[in-house]
N, C-alpha and C. Protein backbone atom coordinates (compact mmCIF):
# COMPACT_ATOMS: atom_id res chain seq x y z
N UNK A 1 47.65 27.22 16.23
CA UNK A 1 46.13 27.53 17.03
C UNK A 1 45.66 26.72 18.08
N UNK A 2 45.48 27.60 19.16
CA UNK A 2 45.32 26.65 20.59
C UNK A 2 44.20 25.46 20.59
N UNK A 3 43.72 24.74 21.77
CA UNK A 3 42.84 23.88 21.45
C UNK A 3 41.07 24.45 21.61
N UNK A 4 41.01 25.44 22.41
CA UNK A 4 40.20 26.66 22.03
C UNK A 4 39.70 27.10 21.10
N UNK A 5 40.69 27.37 20.25
CA UNK A 5 40.59 27.85 18.74
C UNK A 5 39.92 26.90 18.52
N UNK A 6 40.92 26.08 18.03
CA UNK A 6 40.04 24.83 16.90
C UNK A 6 38.49 24.56 17.42
N UNK A 7 38.45 24.16 18.34
CA UNK A 7 37.02 24.04 18.83
C UNK A 7 35.81 25.19 18.49
N UNK A 8 36.33 26.11 18.52
CA UNK A 8 35.64 27.56 17.98
C UNK A 8 35.29 27.30 16.97
N UNK A 9 36.08 26.80 16.04
CA UNK A 9 36.40 26.89 14.25
C UNK A 9 35.24 26.15 13.96
N UNK A 10 35.32 24.55 14.71
CA UNK A 10 34.10 23.69 14.75
C UNK A 10 33.13 24.02 14.75
N UNK A 11 32.88 24.86 15.78
CA UNK A 11 31.65 24.92 15.95
C UNK A 11 30.86 26.37 14.80
N UNK A 12 32.00 26.87 14.79
CA UNK A 12 30.93 28.27 13.11
C UNK A 12 30.78 27.06 12.38
N UNK A 13 32.11 26.48 11.64
CA UNK A 13 32.19 25.55 10.75
C UNK A 13 30.50 24.98 10.71
N UNK A 14 30.58 24.08 12.04
CA UNK A 14 28.81 23.36 11.88
C UNK A 14 27.21 24.03 12.06
N UNK A 15 27.80 25.64 12.74
CA UNK A 15 26.41 26.44 12.92
C UNK A 15 26.07 27.25 11.59
N UNK A 16 27.14 27.35 10.56
CA UNK A 16 27.11 28.13 9.28
C UNK A 16 26.53 26.36 8.21
N UNK A 17 27.05 25.31 8.62
CA UNK A 17 26.19 24.01 7.92
C UNK A 17 24.97 24.25 8.11
N UNK A 18 24.73 24.34 9.40
CA UNK A 18 23.54 24.34 10.31
C UNK A 18 22.50 25.69 8.88
N UNK A 19 23.43 26.87 9.23
CA UNK A 19 22.58 27.27 8.49
C UNK A 19 22.19 27.66 6.90
N UNK A 20 23.03 27.18 6.91
CA UNK A 20 23.06 27.50 5.18
C UNK A 20 21.98 25.45 4.56
N UNK A 21 21.72 25.30 5.59
CA UNK A 21 21.18 23.75 5.23
C UNK A 21 19.18 24.09 5.83
N UNK A 22 19.22 25.14 6.62
CA UNK A 22 17.79 25.98 6.94
C UNK A 22 17.69 26.82 5.72
N UNK A 23 18.86 27.40 5.09
CA UNK A 23 18.59 28.69 4.27
C UNK A 23 18.31 27.79 2.92
N UNK A 24 18.80 26.50 2.65
CA UNK A 24 18.03 25.52 1.37
C UNK A 24 16.57 25.18 1.89
N UNK A 25 16.51 24.71 2.85
CA UNK A 25 15.11 24.05 3.28
C UNK A 25 13.68 24.87 2.64
N UNK A 26 14.62 26.33 3.07
CA UNK A 26 13.50 27.24 3.14
C UNK A 26 13.52 27.93 1.59
N UNK A 27 14.16 27.63 0.98
CA UNK A 27 14.23 28.16 -0.25
C UNK A 27 13.17 27.33 -0.88
N UNK A 28 13.85 26.27 -1.01
CA UNK A 28 13.20 25.07 -1.94
C UNK A 28 11.63 25.15 -1.54
N UNK A 29 11.47 25.18 -0.08
CA UNK A 29 10.47 25.23 0.16
C UNK A 29 9.13 26.40 -0.54
N UNK A 30 9.62 27.36 -0.38
CA UNK A 30 9.26 28.95 -1.01
C UNK A 30 8.97 28.90 -2.59
N UNK A 31 10.25 28.24 -3.50
CA UNK A 31 10.16 27.80 -4.57
C UNK A 31 8.97 27.25 -5.09
N UNK A 32 9.42 26.28 -4.73
CA UNK A 32 8.16 24.92 -4.59
C UNK A 32 6.76 25.56 -4.96
N UNK A 33 6.08 26.00 -3.73
CA UNK A 33 5.00 26.98 -3.57
C UNK A 33 5.12 27.77 -4.74
N UNK A 34 5.34 28.75 -5.14
CA UNK A 34 5.34 29.62 -5.56
C UNK A 34 5.68 29.40 -6.94
N UNK A 35 6.34 28.51 -7.54
CA UNK A 35 6.66 27.88 -9.05
C UNK A 35 4.86 27.13 -9.54
N UNK A 36 4.85 26.44 -8.60
CA UNK A 36 3.59 25.86 -8.48
C UNK A 36 2.23 26.39 -8.83
N UNK A 37 2.40 27.28 -7.73
CA UNK A 37 0.71 28.01 -7.76
C UNK A 37 0.77 29.26 -8.82
N UNK A 38 2.19 30.15 -9.07
CA UNK A 38 2.22 30.93 -9.82
C UNK A 38 2.62 31.00 -11.15
N UNK A 39 3.48 29.88 -11.41
CA UNK A 39 4.16 29.70 -12.76
C UNK A 39 5.71 29.65 -12.19
N UNK A 40 6.65 29.17 -12.97
CA UNK A 40 7.69 29.54 -12.97
C UNK A 40 8.16 30.86 -13.39
N UNK A 41 8.45 30.96 -14.65
CA UNK A 41 8.21 32.32 -15.57
C UNK A 41 7.60 33.81 -14.53
N UNK A 42 6.64 33.46 -13.79
CA UNK A 42 5.49 34.41 -13.26
C UNK A 42 6.57 35.34 -11.66
N UNK A 43 7.16 33.96 -11.34
CA UNK A 43 7.61 33.97 -10.71
C UNK A 43 9.31 34.65 -9.93
N UNK A 44 9.47 35.98 -9.67
CA UNK A 44 10.72 35.99 -9.34
C UNK A 44 11.64 36.17 -8.54
N UNK A 45 13.10 35.87 -8.73
CA UNK A 45 14.11 35.55 -7.40
C UNK A 45 13.20 36.19 -6.19
N UNK A 46 13.11 37.92 -6.49
CA UNK A 46 12.87 38.51 -5.10
C UNK A 46 11.24 38.40 -4.64
N UNK A 47 10.62 37.38 -5.27
CA UNK A 47 9.49 36.72 -4.32
C UNK A 47 9.31 35.72 -3.70
N UNK A 48 10.77 34.76 -4.07
CA UNK A 48 11.06 33.93 -3.46
C UNK A 48 12.39 33.88 -1.87
N UNK A 49 12.88 35.06 -2.84
CA UNK A 49 14.14 35.58 -0.80
C UNK A 49 12.93 36.15 -0.16
N UNK A 50 11.74 36.27 -0.45
CA UNK A 50 10.92 37.07 0.66
C UNK A 50 9.97 36.16 1.34
N UNK A 51 9.53 35.23 0.63
CA UNK A 51 8.87 34.35 1.21
C UNK A 51 9.91 33.15 2.55
N UNK A 52 11.00 33.20 1.47
CA UNK A 52 11.88 32.05 2.42
C UNK A 52 12.63 32.73 3.23
N UNK A 53 12.64 34.01 3.67
CA UNK A 53 13.23 35.05 4.63
C UNK A 53 14.87 34.82 4.66
N UNK A 54 15.40 34.76 3.23
CA UNK A 54 16.91 34.64 3.59
C UNK A 54 17.67 36.21 1.96
N UNK A 55 18.69 36.07 1.78
CA UNK A 55 19.00 37.27 1.17
C UNK A 55 19.57 36.48 -0.01
N UNK A 56 19.39 37.47 -1.26
CA UNK A 56 19.52 37.45 -2.79
C UNK A 56 20.98 36.21 -2.77
N UNK A 57 21.60 36.67 -2.19
CA UNK A 57 23.03 36.17 -2.07
C UNK A 57 23.40 35.01 -1.68
N UNK A 58 22.38 34.90 -0.60
CA UNK A 58 22.06 33.11 -0.15
C UNK A 58 21.50 32.10 -1.03
N UNK A 59 20.74 32.72 -2.02
CA UNK A 59 20.19 31.79 -3.18
C UNK A 59 21.27 31.82 -4.24
N UNK A 60 21.91 32.52 -4.40
CA UNK A 60 22.70 32.38 -5.52
C UNK A 60 24.18 31.51 -5.11
N UNK A 61 24.33 31.81 -3.77
CA UNK A 61 25.59 30.73 -2.85
C UNK A 61 25.25 29.41 -3.26
N UNK A 62 23.62 28.85 -2.51
CA UNK A 62 23.11 27.81 -2.41
C UNK A 62 22.60 27.08 -3.92
N UNK A 63 22.44 27.78 -4.49
CA UNK A 63 21.74 27.09 -5.86
C UNK A 63 22.62 27.56 -7.15
N UNK A 64 23.11 28.77 -7.37
CA UNK A 64 24.04 29.29 -8.52
C UNK A 64 23.10 30.61 -9.20
N UNK A 65 22.02 29.90 -9.79
CA UNK A 65 20.82 30.57 -10.74
C UNK A 65 19.59 30.07 -10.26
N UNK A 66 18.60 30.89 -10.63
CA UNK A 66 16.90 30.67 -11.02
C UNK A 66 16.73 28.79 -11.49
N UNK A 67 17.19 29.21 -12.26
CA UNK A 67 16.97 27.50 -13.30
C UNK A 67 17.45 26.56 -12.28
N UNK A 68 18.51 26.69 -11.67
CA UNK A 68 19.29 25.32 -10.82
C UNK A 68 18.04 25.28 -9.64
N UNK A 69 17.71 26.31 -9.24
CA UNK A 69 16.38 26.01 -8.52
C UNK A 69 15.48 25.53 -9.07
N UNK A 70 15.04 25.42 -9.87
CA UNK A 70 13.74 25.03 -10.71
C UNK A 70 14.18 23.85 -10.41
N UNK A 71 15.28 23.16 -10.96
CA UNK A 71 15.43 21.71 -11.49
C UNK A 71 15.89 21.55 -10.00
N UNK A 72 16.01 21.89 -8.85
CA UNK A 72 16.36 21.08 -7.57
C UNK A 72 14.61 21.14 -7.22
N UNK A 73 13.55 21.65 -7.25
CA UNK A 73 12.17 22.01 -7.29
C UNK A 73 11.68 20.51 -7.83
N UNK A 74 11.92 21.15 -9.44
CA UNK A 74 11.22 19.47 -9.94
C UNK A 74 12.01 18.41 -9.48
N UNK A 75 13.23 18.47 -9.27
CA UNK A 75 13.53 16.97 -8.92
C UNK A 75 13.23 16.63 -7.25
N UNK A 76 12.90 17.46 -6.04
CA UNK A 76 12.35 17.24 -4.72
C UNK A 76 10.98 17.00 -4.85
N UNK A 77 10.38 17.65 -5.94
CA UNK A 77 9.14 17.25 -6.38
C UNK A 77 8.36 16.23 -6.35
N UNK A 78 9.39 15.70 -7.56
CA UNK A 78 9.59 14.38 -8.52
C UNK A 78 9.51 13.05 -6.90
N UNK A 79 10.82 13.13 -6.41
CA UNK A 79 10.80 12.30 -5.56
C UNK A 79 9.35 11.91 -4.30
N UNK A 80 8.96 13.17 -3.83
CA UNK A 80 8.36 13.33 -2.79
C UNK A 80 6.77 12.64 -3.89
N UNK A 81 6.63 13.08 -4.80
CA UNK A 81 5.44 12.86 -5.32
C UNK A 81 5.46 10.99 -5.61
N UNK A 82 6.39 10.37 -6.21
CA UNK A 82 6.85 8.85 -6.32
C UNK A 82 6.48 8.07 -5.40
N UNK A 83 7.04 8.86 -4.28
CA UNK A 83 7.20 8.29 -2.48
C UNK A 83 5.55 7.91 -2.65
N UNK A 84 4.92 9.00 -2.54
CA UNK A 84 3.57 9.29 -1.78
C UNK A 84 2.74 8.44 -3.25
N UNK A 85 3.30 8.65 -4.16
CA UNK A 85 2.10 8.08 -5.36
C UNK A 85 1.89 6.21 -5.37
N UNK A 86 3.23 5.75 -5.10
CA UNK A 86 3.48 3.99 -4.85
C UNK A 86 3.33 3.79 -3.01
N UNK A 87 3.64 4.58 -2.61
CA UNK A 87 3.01 4.64 -1.09
C UNK A 87 1.62 4.44 -1.53
N UNK A 88 0.65 4.56 -2.14
CA UNK A 88 -0.37 5.41 -1.41
C UNK A 88 -1.16 3.74 -2.72
N UNK A 89 -0.60 3.57 -3.67
CA UNK A 89 -1.22 2.20 -4.45
C UNK A 89 -0.63 0.90 -4.04
N UNK A 90 0.40 0.87 -3.11
CA UNK A 90 0.82 -0.13 -2.57
C UNK A 90 0.29 -0.27 -0.86
N UNK A 91 0.04 0.33 0.20
CA UNK A 91 -0.60 0.29 1.01
C UNK A 91 -1.88 -0.29 1.23
N UNK A 92 -1.48 -1.19 2.48
CA UNK A 92 -2.38 -2.33 2.81
C UNK A 92 -2.30 -3.33 1.78
N UNK A 93 -1.13 -3.60 0.82
CA UNK A 93 -0.69 -4.59 0.17
C UNK A 93 -2.27 -5.02 -0.51
N UNK A 94 -2.32 -6.96 -0.86
CA UNK A 94 -3.44 -6.84 -1.62
C UNK A 94 -2.83 -7.77 -3.36
N UNK A 95 -3.80 -7.94 -4.10
CA UNK A 95 -3.31 -7.93 -5.18
C UNK A 95 -2.87 -7.09 -5.97
N UNK A 96 -2.45 -7.82 -7.20
CA UNK A 96 -1.61 -6.42 -8.23
C UNK A 96 -2.66 -5.66 -8.90
N UNK A 97 -3.88 -6.27 -8.98
CA UNK A 97 -5.52 -5.78 -9.26
C UNK A 97 -5.67 -4.52 -8.34
N UNK A 98 -5.74 -5.17 -7.21
CA UNK A 98 -6.27 -3.59 -6.02
C UNK A 98 -5.26 -2.84 -6.14
N UNK A 99 -4.50 -3.32 -5.99
CA UNK A 99 -3.25 -2.02 -6.28
C UNK A 99 -3.34 -1.05 -7.57
N UNK A 100 -3.60 -1.35 -8.71
CA UNK A 100 -4.13 -0.87 -9.57
C UNK A 100 -5.49 0.42 -9.41
N UNK A 101 -6.34 -0.67 -9.18
CA UNK A 101 -7.46 0.35 -8.67
C UNK A 101 -7.44 1.25 -7.81
N UNK A 102 -6.09 1.50 -6.65
CA UNK A 102 -6.01 2.59 -6.08
C UNK A 102 -5.62 3.87 -6.40
N UNK A 103 -5.32 3.72 -8.30
CA UNK A 103 -4.73 4.89 -8.64
C UNK A 103 -5.70 5.75 -8.31
N UNK A 104 -6.42 5.80 -8.93
CA UNK A 104 -7.60 7.13 -9.49
C UNK A 104 -8.18 7.81 -8.05
N UNK A 105 -8.59 6.45 -6.68
CA UNK A 105 -8.84 7.26 -5.56
C UNK A 105 -8.00 7.76 -4.97
N UNK A 106 -6.78 7.29 -4.99
CA UNK A 106 -5.47 8.57 -4.13
C UNK A 106 -5.31 9.81 -5.08
N UNK A 107 -5.06 9.86 -6.38
CA UNK A 107 -5.31 10.93 -6.90
C UNK A 107 -6.15 11.77 -7.05
N UNK A 108 -7.42 11.00 -6.43
CA UNK A 108 -8.71 12.07 -5.96
C UNK A 108 -8.45 13.18 -4.72
N UNK A 109 -8.00 11.97 -4.18
CA UNK A 109 -7.67 12.78 -2.48
C UNK A 109 -6.54 14.15 -2.79
N UNK A 110 -5.60 13.76 -3.80
CA UNK A 110 -4.51 14.23 -4.00
C UNK A 110 -5.60 15.87 -4.37
N UNK A 111 -6.43 15.77 -6.06
CA UNK A 111 -7.03 16.75 -6.51
C UNK A 111 -8.14 17.49 -5.08
N UNK A 112 -7.84 16.95 -4.20
CA UNK A 112 -8.72 17.71 -3.28
C UNK A 112 -7.99 18.48 -2.15
N UNK A 113 -7.09 18.59 -2.23
CA UNK A 113 -5.64 19.16 -1.16
C UNK A 113 -5.65 20.85 -1.85
N UNK A 114 -5.61 21.74 -0.88
CA UNK A 114 -6.05 22.91 -0.78
C UNK A 114 -4.49 23.59 -1.89
N UNK A 115 -3.40 22.55 -1.75
CA UNK A 115 -2.22 23.52 -2.79
C UNK A 115 -2.18 22.34 -3.55
N UNK A 116 -3.50 22.00 -3.91
CA UNK A 116 -3.33 21.27 -5.49
C UNK A 116 -3.61 22.45 -6.62
N UNK A 117 -1.85 21.90 -7.18
CA UNK A 117 -1.64 22.98 -8.79
C UNK A 117 -1.47 21.98 -9.74
N UNK A 118 -1.79 20.93 -9.76
CA UNK A 118 -1.56 20.04 -11.53
C UNK A 118 0.03 19.37 -11.20
N UNK A 119 0.42 19.34 -12.16
CA UNK A 119 1.57 18.25 -11.95
C UNK A 119 2.72 19.51 -12.52
N UNK A 120 3.95 19.20 -11.25
CA UNK A 120 4.82 20.37 -11.82
C UNK A 120 5.49 20.33 -12.69
N UNK A 121 5.63 19.29 -13.68
CA UNK A 121 6.26 18.63 -14.15
C UNK A 121 5.63 18.99 -15.41
N UNK A 122 4.55 19.02 -16.13
CA UNK A 122 3.65 19.22 -17.46
C UNK A 122 3.72 21.06 -17.25
N UNK A 123 3.50 21.59 -15.68
CA UNK A 123 3.44 23.00 -15.99
C UNK A 123 4.83 22.96 -16.65
N UNK A 124 5.55 22.80 -16.02
CA UNK A 124 6.82 23.19 -16.45
C UNK A 124 7.33 23.87 -17.74
N UNK A 125 7.26 22.52 -18.64
CA UNK A 125 7.29 22.02 -19.82
C UNK A 125 6.11 22.60 -20.54
N UNK A 126 4.90 23.00 -20.19
CA UNK A 126 4.17 23.63 -20.72
C UNK A 126 3.56 25.39 -20.75
N UNK A 127 5.00 25.75 -20.21
CA UNK A 127 4.55 27.08 -19.96
C UNK A 127 6.08 27.75 -20.63
N UNK A 128 7.21 26.54 -20.92
CA UNK A 128 8.57 26.77 -21.46
C UNK A 128 8.55 26.76 -23.19
N UNK A 129 9.66 27.02 -23.74
CA UNK A 129 9.76 27.03 -25.38
C UNK A 129 9.64 25.54 -25.34
N UNK A 130 8.81 25.13 -26.51
CA UNK A 130 8.58 23.56 -25.77
C UNK A 130 10.12 23.35 -27.22
N UNK A 131 10.83 23.58 -27.85
CA UNK A 131 12.27 22.88 -28.12
C UNK A 131 13.08 22.85 -27.08
N UNK A 132 13.29 23.65 -25.87
CA UNK A 132 14.09 23.14 -25.07
C UNK A 132 13.63 21.83 -23.91
N UNK A 133 14.97 21.39 -23.72
CA UNK A 133 14.95 19.95 -23.53
C UNK A 133 15.24 19.92 -21.87
N UNK A 134 15.97 20.80 -21.33
CA UNK A 134 15.80 20.58 -19.86
C UNK A 134 14.91 20.30 -18.76
N UNK A 135 14.14 21.10 -18.91
CA UNK A 135 12.91 20.46 -17.95
C UNK A 135 11.93 18.89 -18.60
N UNK A 136 11.70 19.00 -19.86
CA UNK A 136 11.49 17.64 -20.72
C UNK A 136 12.22 16.85 -20.35
N UNK A 137 13.66 17.01 -19.79
CA UNK A 137 14.56 15.44 -19.82
C UNK A 137 14.14 15.19 -18.12
N UNK A 138 13.82 16.04 -17.44
CA UNK A 138 13.58 15.98 -15.83
C UNK A 138 12.23 15.38 -16.19
N UNK A 139 11.36 15.84 -16.75
CA UNK A 139 10.12 14.98 -16.68
C UNK A 139 9.92 13.84 -16.96
N UNK A 140 10.72 13.43 -18.08
CA UNK A 140 10.58 12.18 -18.44
C UNK A 140 11.13 11.07 -17.67
N UNK A 141 12.49 11.92 -16.88
CA UNK A 141 13.11 10.43 -15.97
C UNK A 141 11.91 10.65 -14.94
N UNK A 142 11.45 11.11 -14.38
CA UNK A 142 9.75 11.46 -13.68
C UNK A 142 9.49 10.13 -13.60
N UNK A 143 8.60 9.99 -15.34
CA UNK A 143 7.94 9.44 -15.62
C UNK A 143 7.77 7.77 -15.83
N UNK A 144 9.13 7.94 -16.72
CA UNK A 144 9.86 6.54 -16.29
C UNK A 144 9.53 5.77 -15.12
N UNK A 145 10.19 6.47 -14.29
CA UNK A 145 9.87 5.13 -12.89
C UNK A 145 8.23 5.41 -12.39
N UNK A 146 7.58 6.45 -12.61
CA UNK A 146 6.21 6.10 -12.07
C UNK A 146 5.40 4.35 -13.24
N UNK A 147 6.00 4.91 -14.69
CA UNK A 147 5.61 4.16 -15.61
C UNK A 147 6.30 2.39 -15.35
N UNK A 148 7.23 2.55 -14.74
CA UNK A 148 8.07 0.88 -14.63
C UNK A 148 6.96 0.04 -13.44
N UNK A 149 6.53 1.01 -12.58
CA UNK A 149 6.35 0.43 -11.09
C UNK A 149 4.55 0.40 -12.01
N UNK A 150 4.14 0.14 -12.89
CA UNK A 150 2.39 0.56 -13.24
C UNK A 150 2.76 -0.98 -14.20
N UNK A 151 4.08 -0.79 -14.80
CA UNK A 151 3.70 -1.80 -15.62
C UNK A 151 4.10 -3.17 -15.08
N UNK A 152 5.23 -2.83 -13.92
CA UNK A 152 5.28 -4.20 -13.52
C UNK A 152 4.31 -5.39 -13.15
N UNK A 153 3.27 -3.56 -12.00
CA UNK A 153 1.72 -4.39 -11.59
C UNK A 153 0.89 -4.77 -12.54
N UNK A 154 0.90 -4.39 -14.16
CA UNK A 154 0.50 -4.84 -15.05
C UNK A 154 0.56 -6.01 -15.69
N UNK A 155 2.15 -6.47 -15.18
CA UNK A 155 2.59 -7.75 -15.86
C UNK A 155 2.07 -8.88 -14.54
N UNK A 156 1.42 -7.88 -13.41
CA UNK A 156 1.44 -9.61 -12.89
C UNK A 156 0.35 -9.51 -12.76
N UNK A 157 -0.82 -9.07 -12.99
CA UNK A 157 -1.99 -9.04 -13.46
C UNK A 157 -2.18 -10.28 -14.38
N UNK A 158 -1.51 -10.01 -15.11
CA UNK A 158 -1.58 -11.46 -16.79
C UNK A 158 -1.88 -10.38 -17.60
N UNK A 159 -1.59 -8.92 -17.81
CA UNK A 159 -1.87 -8.51 -18.77
C UNK A 159 -0.97 -8.70 -20.06
N UNK A 160 -1.84 -9.14 -21.73
CA UNK A 160 -0.91 -9.55 -22.65
C UNK A 160 0.49 -8.70 -22.73
N UNK A 161 0.30 -7.03 -22.65
CA UNK A 161 1.09 -6.17 -23.18
C UNK A 161 1.21 -5.50 -21.88
N UNK A 162 2.09 -5.26 -20.95
CA UNK A 162 2.22 -4.57 -19.60
C UNK A 162 2.72 -3.11 -19.88
N UNK A 163 3.25 -3.04 -20.84
CA UNK A 163 4.11 -1.53 -20.64
C UNK A 163 2.85 -1.06 -22.24
N UNK A 164 2.17 -1.57 -22.42
CA UNK A 164 0.73 -0.43 -23.20
C UNK A 164 0.04 -0.22 -22.27
N UNK A 165 -0.64 -1.12 -21.40
CA UNK A 165 -1.49 -0.92 -20.55
C UNK A 165 -0.94 -0.07 -19.69
N UNK A 166 0.29 0.14 -18.81
CA UNK A 166 1.18 1.26 -18.82
C UNK A 166 0.80 2.49 -18.83
N UNK A 167 1.04 2.29 -20.20
CA UNK A 167 1.03 3.73 -21.12
C UNK A 167 -0.22 4.52 -21.08
N UNK A 168 -1.24 3.62 -21.33
CA UNK A 168 -2.86 3.90 -21.03
C UNK A 168 -3.19 4.80 -20.30
N UNK A 169 -2.62 3.75 -18.79
CA UNK A 169 -3.71 4.12 -17.70
C UNK A 169 -2.40 4.99 -17.49
N UNK A 170 -0.91 5.86 -17.78
CA UNK A 170 -0.60 6.99 -17.36
C UNK A 170 -1.58 7.88 -18.38
N UNK A 171 -1.97 7.84 -19.41
CA UNK A 171 -2.71 8.57 -20.27
C UNK A 171 -3.70 8.98 -19.33
N UNK A 172 -4.48 8.25 -18.78
CA UNK A 172 -5.93 8.40 -17.91
C UNK A 172 -5.02 9.64 -16.99
N UNK A 173 -3.69 8.96 -16.75
CA UNK A 173 -3.54 9.59 -14.98
C UNK A 173 -3.25 11.06 -14.88
N UNK A 174 -2.04 11.36 -16.35
CA UNK A 174 -2.10 12.81 -16.94
C UNK A 174 -3.10 13.03 -17.63
N UNK A 175 -4.30 13.12 -17.91
CA UNK A 175 -5.58 13.66 -18.10
C UNK A 175 -6.09 14.26 -17.09
N UNK A 176 -6.31 13.49 -15.96
CA UNK A 176 -7.14 13.39 -15.13
C UNK A 176 -6.55 14.48 -14.25
N UNK A 177 -5.29 15.00 -14.11
CA UNK A 177 -4.43 15.85 -13.20
C UNK A 177 -4.83 17.10 -14.42
N UNK A 178 -4.55 16.92 -15.16
CA UNK A 178 -5.02 18.33 -16.21
C UNK A 178 -6.21 18.88 -15.92
N UNK A 179 -7.25 17.92 -16.04
CA UNK A 179 -8.60 18.10 -15.73
C UNK A 179 -9.32 18.48 -14.61
N UNK A 180 -8.33 17.70 -13.61
CA UNK A 180 -8.94 18.01 -12.36
C UNK A 180 -7.96 19.84 -11.79
N UNK A 181 -7.14 20.35 -12.54
CA UNK A 181 -6.34 21.74 -12.27
C UNK A 181 -7.42 22.96 -12.65
N UNK A 182 -7.98 22.34 -13.93
CA UNK A 182 -8.41 22.96 -14.97
C UNK A 182 -9.72 23.10 -14.54
N UNK A 183 -10.68 22.33 -14.02
CA UNK A 183 -11.93 22.85 -13.29
C UNK A 183 -12.35 22.84 -11.63
N UNK A 184 -10.57 22.03 -11.16
CA UNK A 184 -10.66 22.19 -9.82
C UNK A 184 -11.87 21.50 -8.75
N UNK A 185 -11.91 20.20 -9.99
CA UNK A 185 -12.88 19.49 -9.52
C UNK A 185 -12.69 18.18 -9.54
N UNK A 186 -12.50 18.14 -7.76
CA UNK A 186 -11.77 16.08 -7.99
C UNK A 186 -12.19 14.90 -8.07
N UNK A 187 -13.73 15.27 -8.39
CA UNK A 187 -14.44 14.01 -8.89
C UNK A 187 -13.86 13.35 -10.34
N UNK A 188 -13.00 14.38 -11.29
CA UNK A 188 -12.97 14.00 -12.52
C UNK A 188 -11.61 12.19 -12.31
N UNK A 189 -11.21 12.44 -11.39
CA UNK A 189 -10.68 10.89 -10.90
C UNK A 189 -11.40 10.05 -11.00
N UNK A 190 -12.62 10.19 -10.84
CA UNK A 190 -13.74 9.02 -10.78
C UNK A 190 -14.23 8.74 -12.38
N UNK A 191 -14.31 9.43 -13.00
CA UNK A 191 -14.47 9.20 -14.48
C UNK A 191 -13.29 8.84 -14.70
N UNK A 192 -12.22 9.12 -14.68
CA UNK A 192 -10.93 8.40 -15.01
C UNK A 192 -10.71 6.74 -14.72
N UNK A 193 -10.90 7.02 -12.92
CA UNK A 193 -11.31 5.52 -12.84
C UNK A 193 -11.95 4.54 -13.71
N UNK A 194 -13.45 4.84 -13.93
CA UNK A 194 -13.67 4.17 -14.64
C UNK A 194 -13.34 3.78 -15.88
N UNK A 195 -12.88 4.59 -16.51
CA UNK A 195 -12.31 4.54 -18.05
C UNK A 195 -10.63 2.89 -17.53
N UNK A 196 -10.40 3.48 -16.80
CA UNK A 196 -9.13 2.56 -16.27
C UNK A 196 -9.75 1.34 -16.04
N UNK A 197 -10.77 0.94 -15.02
CA UNK A 197 -11.60 0.03 -14.73
C UNK A 197 -12.07 -1.09 -16.38
N UNK A 198 -11.93 -0.34 -17.37
CA UNK A 198 -12.60 -0.90 -18.62
C UNK A 198 -11.15 -1.28 -18.83
N UNK A 199 -10.22 -0.99 -18.93
CA UNK A 199 -8.70 -1.44 -19.36
C UNK A 199 -8.14 -2.51 -18.21
N UNK A 200 -8.71 -2.32 -17.50
CA UNK A 200 -8.27 -3.53 -16.25
C UNK A 200 -9.61 -4.71 -16.31
N UNK A 201 -10.23 -4.75 -17.25
CA UNK A 201 -11.41 -6.22 -16.83
C UNK A 201 -10.54 -7.65 -17.77
N UNK A 202 -10.94 -8.33 -16.51
CA UNK A 202 -10.31 -9.85 -17.39
C UNK A 202 -9.77 -9.68 -18.81
N UNK A 203 -10.97 -9.56 -19.59
CA UNK A 203 -11.19 -9.79 -20.78
C UNK A 203 -10.77 -8.79 -21.89
N UNK A 204 -10.20 -7.63 -21.14
CA UNK A 204 -9.38 -6.71 -22.05
C UNK A 204 -7.90 -7.37 -22.08
N UNK A 205 -7.73 -7.99 -20.75
CA UNK A 205 -6.52 -8.04 -20.29
C UNK A 205 -6.14 -9.33 -21.62
N UNK A 206 -6.76 -9.94 -21.30
CA UNK A 206 -6.34 -11.51 -22.22
C UNK A 206 -6.72 -11.02 -23.84
N UNK A 207 -7.18 -10.52 -24.21
CA UNK A 207 -7.47 -9.72 -25.38
C UNK A 207 -6.77 -8.62 -26.12
N UNK A 208 -5.93 -7.85 -25.36
CA UNK A 208 -5.41 -7.00 -25.61
C UNK A 208 -4.91 -6.51 -27.40
N UNK A 209 -5.26 -5.69 -27.70
CA UNK A 209 -5.10 -5.68 -29.23
C UNK A 209 -3.53 -5.26 -29.27
N UNK A 210 -3.05 -5.54 -30.30
CA UNK A 210 -1.57 -4.76 -30.53
C UNK A 210 -1.59 -3.96 -31.39
N UNK A 211 -0.66 -2.95 -30.70
CA UNK A 211 -0.25 -1.68 -31.97
C UNK A 211 0.66 -2.13 -32.54
N UNK A 212 0.62 -0.98 -33.51
CA UNK A 212 1.31 -1.19 -35.03
C UNK A 212 2.51 -0.34 -34.25
N UNK A 213 3.01 0.01 -33.49
CA UNK A 213 3.94 0.91 -32.38
C UNK A 213 5.22 0.05 -31.96
N UNK A 214 6.29 0.00 -32.32
CA UNK A 214 7.56 -0.82 -31.56
C UNK A 214 7.11 0.02 -30.19
N UNK A 215 8.00 -0.94 -29.04
CA UNK A 215 7.81 -0.51 -27.58
C UNK A 215 8.39 0.81 -27.53
N UNK A 216 10.06 1.21 -28.47
CA UNK A 216 10.24 2.29 -28.65
C UNK A 216 9.87 3.24 -29.01
N UNK A 217 8.38 3.31 -29.63
CA UNK A 217 8.04 4.24 -29.86
C UNK A 217 7.06 4.51 -29.22
N UNK A 218 6.61 4.05 -28.51
CA UNK A 218 5.27 4.33 -27.25
C UNK A 218 5.88 5.67 -26.74
N UNK A 219 4.70 6.22 -26.35
CA UNK A 219 5.24 7.88 -25.86
C UNK A 219 5.53 8.12 -24.44
N UNK A 220 6.38 8.37 -24.06
CA UNK A 220 6.68 8.62 -22.51
C UNK A 220 5.74 9.50 -22.05
N UNK A 221 4.68 9.10 -21.68
CA UNK A 221 3.31 10.22 -21.05
C UNK A 221 3.81 9.82 -19.67
């Protein structure tokens, strides 16, 4: 094969890779929107490829199955959400208490977005067989990262039991997300923030009550 032929093959290979990357991004974006808005079970392959503007064969070539596409969406959404959430509470610096106090104002801003459809992890677990572990495993992996960051800040403010405080705040976060999804009222974040303020009061931090459950028994909310 001559130099011209090899060059042509390389160009075609790069073009194909670029096309696949573009199709991958479009499919991921379309699936994310439709899964979050309409639900995973209610969204068929045809709706995804129609919104993405790709062929069904392309979807199966890039993802293999709808289940794999769901996993890809959850992994992508989780990564983006964690980067946004941690960035929002860390933005502007400040002491750990200030950073923790930014949690619920940040959530209120998210709740007010036009495309707020709740937490994709909560939604995915909720609409599938509760004995299935595949989506629960991905959800817990996501929650573990969020909890670890909150626990770190809780330790820095001198909480007697940082892990317990992190789980308490996480329960308020999840509760606010579900309440906002149902009510479509961003102000539920303010109510959750008031409850969080009571947990973060200096007197509570110093006299945190011990739970009878061990750290291993704490629910990974």
